[in-house]
Every structure is written in C-alpha cells, then in structure tokens.
C-alpha cells in the first residue's frame, strides 16, 4: 500500500511540475524524446534487447 501512495504522489508531483513548465517545455521534451528513440544506436540496442527477451521467454516456440 505504501508503494502505491508513493507512486501516486510521484504522478501528482509530475503533473503539477509539468503544468507549471507549460506547453512549450512539453513540446521540447517530446522532440528530444523522439530524436533519442529514432537514433540508430538506440534502435540497435532495442533490437538486441527484444531478441534477448524473445530467447529468454521462448518466443517462436510452438
């Protein structure tokens, strides 16, 4: 139960701070996020991670 309270507190705090930052800051964060996830090195690492998870949990069996 304490974990849920901490989580909800974090969500609430993030919401309040996010609304104070405003739309411009939000758009800046989204642009940066998209640049990062579209970077070839990040895509490569994500592919490796996906493959390892697939191996670990037996994806492709059956």
N, C-alpha and C. Protein backbone atom coordinates (compact mmCIF):
# COMPACT_ATOMS: atom_id res chain seq x y z
N UNK A 1 0.82 -1.20 0.00
CA UNK A 1 0.00 0.00 0.00
C UNK A 1 0.86 1.25 0.00
N UNK A 2 1.96 1.23 0.74
CA UNK A 2 2.84 2.39 0.80
C UNK A 2 3.45 2.67 -0.57
N UNK A 3 3.73 1.61 -1.31
CA UNK A 3 4.30 1.77 -2.65
C UNK A 3 3.30 2.50 -3.55
N UNK A 4 2.03 2.15 -3.45
CA UNK A 4 1.01 2.79 -4.26
C UNK A 4 0.89 4.27 -3.91
N UNK A 5 0.99 4.60 -2.64
CA UNK A 5 0.92 6.01 -2.21
C UNK A 5 2.09 6.80 -2.77
N UNK A 6 3.29 6.19 -2.73
CA UNK A 6 4.47 6.86 -3.28
C UNK A 6 4.32 7.06 -4.78
N UNK A 7 3.81 6.05 -5.46
CA UNK A 7 3.60 6.15 -6.90
C UNK A 7 2.63 7.28 -7.23
N UNK A 8 1.51 7.32 -6.53
CA UNK A 8 0.51 8.36 -6.79
C UNK A 8 1.05 9.74 -6.45
N UNK A 9 1.85 9.84 -5.41
CA UNK A 9 2.48 11.11 -5.07
C UNK A 9 3.41 11.55 -6.20
N UNK A 10 4.18 10.61 -6.74
CA UNK A 10 5.08 10.92 -7.86
C UNK A 10 4.32 11.37 -9.09
N UNK A 11 3.23 10.70 -9.39
CA UNK A 11 2.40 11.08 -10.54
C UNK A 11 1.84 12.48 -10.34
N UNK A 12 1.33 12.74 -9.16
CA UNK A 12 0.77 14.06 -8.86
C UNK A 12 1.82 15.16 -8.95
N UNK A 13 2.98 14.89 -8.39
CA UNK A 13 4.07 15.87 -8.44
C UNK A 13 4.51 16.12 -9.88
N UNK A 14 4.63 15.06 -10.65
CA UNK A 14 5.00 15.20 -12.05
C UNK A 14 3.97 16.02 -12.82
N UNK A 15 2.71 15.79 -12.52
CA UNK A 15 1.65 16.53 -13.19
C UNK A 15 1.74 18.02 -12.87
N UNK A 16 1.89 18.33 -11.59
CA UNK A 16 1.97 19.73 -11.17
C UNK A 16 3.17 20.42 -11.79
N UNK A 17 4.33 19.77 -11.71
CA UNK A 17 5.53 20.38 -12.29
C UNK A 17 5.41 20.51 -13.81
N UNK A 18 4.79 19.53 -14.43
CA UNK A 18 4.60 19.57 -15.87
C UNK A 18 3.69 20.71 -16.30
N UNK A 19 2.63 20.95 -15.54
CA UNK A 19 1.72 22.02 -15.91
C UNK A 19 2.37 23.38 -15.69
N UNK A 20 3.26 23.47 -14.71
CA UNK A 20 3.96 24.74 -14.49
C UNK A 20 4.96 25.01 -15.61
N UNK A 21 5.53 23.95 -16.16
CA UNK A 21 6.53 24.12 -17.22
C UNK A 21 5.88 24.67 -18.48
N UNK A 22 4.64 24.28 -18.72
CA UNK A 22 3.93 24.80 -19.87
C UNK A 22 4.08 23.97 -21.13
N UNK A 23 3.29 24.35 -22.12
CA UNK A 23 3.22 23.61 -23.37
C UNK A 23 4.53 23.64 -24.14
N UNK A 24 5.21 24.76 -24.13
CA UNK A 24 6.47 24.88 -24.86
C UNK A 24 7.51 23.89 -24.37
N UNK A 25 7.63 23.77 -23.07
CA UNK A 25 8.59 22.83 -22.48
C UNK A 25 8.18 21.40 -22.81
N UNK A 26 6.88 21.13 -22.77
CA UNK A 26 6.37 19.80 -23.11
C UNK A 26 6.77 19.45 -24.54
N UNK A 27 6.56 20.37 -25.46
CA UNK A 27 6.91 20.11 -26.86
C UNK A 27 8.41 19.88 -27.01
N UNK A 28 9.21 20.61 -26.26
CA UNK A 28 10.66 20.43 -26.30
C UNK A 28 11.04 19.02 -25.82
N UNK A 29 10.42 18.58 -24.76
CA UNK A 29 10.69 17.25 -24.22
C UNK A 29 10.29 16.18 -25.23
N UNK A 30 9.13 16.35 -25.87
CA UNK A 30 8.66 15.38 -26.86
C UNK A 30 9.61 15.32 -28.05
N UNK A 31 10.08 16.47 -28.52
CA UNK A 31 11.02 16.49 -29.65
C UNK A 31 12.31 15.75 -29.30
N UNK A 32 12.82 16.01 -28.11
CA UNK A 32 14.05 15.35 -27.67
C UNK A 32 13.83 13.85 -27.55
N UNK A 33 12.72 13.44 -26.99
CA UNK A 33 12.39 12.03 -26.85
C UNK A 33 12.36 11.35 -28.21
N UNK A 34 11.71 11.97 -29.16
CA UNK A 34 11.60 11.38 -30.50
C UNK A 34 12.96 11.27 -31.17
N UNK A 35 13.81 12.29 -30.98
CA UNK A 35 15.17 12.22 -31.55
C UNK A 35 15.93 11.04 -30.96
N UNK A 36 15.79 10.86 -29.66
CA UNK A 36 16.52 9.78 -28.99
C UNK A 36 16.03 8.42 -29.46
N UNK A 37 14.72 8.20 -29.48
CA UNK A 37 14.23 6.87 -29.84
C UNK A 37 14.44 6.56 -31.32
N UNK A 38 14.59 7.58 -32.15
CA UNK A 38 14.82 7.35 -33.58
C UNK A 38 16.30 7.21 -33.92
N UNK A 39 17.18 7.41 -32.95
CA UNK A 39 18.62 7.32 -33.20
C UNK A 39 18.99 5.87 -33.52
N UNK A 40 19.83 5.66 -34.54
CA UNK A 40 20.20 4.29 -34.94
C UNK A 40 20.80 3.45 -33.81
N UNK A 41 21.61 4.05 -32.95
CA UNK A 41 22.20 3.27 -31.85
C UNK A 41 21.13 2.79 -30.87
N UNK A 42 20.14 3.63 -30.62
CA UNK A 42 19.06 3.25 -29.71
C UNK A 42 18.22 2.15 -30.36
N UNK A 43 17.95 2.29 -31.65
CA UNK A 43 17.18 1.27 -32.36
C UNK A 43 17.91 -0.07 -32.34
N UNK A 44 19.23 -0.03 -32.53
CA UNK A 44 20.01 -1.26 -32.49
C UNK A 44 19.97 -1.93 -31.13
N UNK A 45 20.13 -1.12 -30.09
CA UNK A 45 20.09 -1.66 -28.73
C UNK A 45 18.71 -2.24 -28.41
N UNK A 46 17.67 -1.58 -28.88
CA UNK A 46 16.32 -2.08 -28.64
C UNK A 46 16.11 -3.42 -29.35
N UNK A 47 16.66 -3.54 -30.55
CA UNK A 47 16.55 -4.80 -31.29
C UNK A 47 17.26 -5.93 -30.57
N UNK A 48 18.45 -5.65 -30.05
CA UNK A 48 19.19 -6.66 -29.29
C UNK A 48 18.41 -7.06 -28.04
N UNK A 49 17.88 -6.08 -27.34
CA UNK A 49 17.10 -6.36 -26.12
C UNK A 49 15.87 -7.20 -26.45
N UNK A 50 15.17 -6.85 -27.55
CA UNK A 50 14.00 -7.62 -27.95
C UNK A 50 14.36 -9.07 -28.24
N UNK A 51 15.48 -9.26 -28.95
CA UNK A 51 15.92 -10.62 -29.29
C UNK A 51 16.25 -11.42 -28.03
N UNK A 52 16.92 -10.79 -27.08
CA UNK A 52 17.29 -11.50 -25.84
C UNK A 52 16.05 -11.86 -25.03
N UNK A 53 15.08 -10.96 -24.98
CA UNK A 53 13.84 -11.25 -24.26
C UNK A 53 13.11 -12.39 -24.96
N UNK A 54 13.10 -12.35 -26.29
CA UNK A 54 12.47 -13.43 -27.05
C UNK A 54 13.11 -14.77 -26.78
N UNK A 55 14.44 -14.79 -26.71
CA UNK A 55 15.16 -16.03 -26.40
C UNK A 55 14.83 -16.51 -24.98
N UNK A 56 14.82 -15.58 -24.06
CA UNK A 56 14.61 -15.91 -22.65
C UNK A 56 13.22 -16.51 -22.41
N UNK A 57 12.22 -15.96 -23.06
CA UNK A 57 10.85 -16.40 -22.83
C UNK A 57 10.33 -17.31 -23.92
N UNK A 58 11.22 -17.77 -24.78
CA UNK A 58 10.86 -18.80 -25.76
C UNK A 58 9.91 -18.35 -26.84
N UNK A 59 10.01 -17.10 -27.22
CA UNK A 59 9.17 -16.63 -28.32
C UNK A 59 9.56 -17.40 -29.57
N UNK A 60 8.60 -17.79 -30.34
CA UNK A 60 8.88 -18.51 -31.56
C UNK A 60 8.71 -20.02 -31.40
N UNK A 61 8.55 -20.47 -30.18
CA UNK A 61 8.30 -21.90 -29.96
C UNK A 61 6.84 -22.20 -30.25
N UNK A 62 6.61 -23.32 -30.84
CA UNK A 62 5.25 -23.80 -30.97
C UNK A 62 4.60 -23.43 -32.20
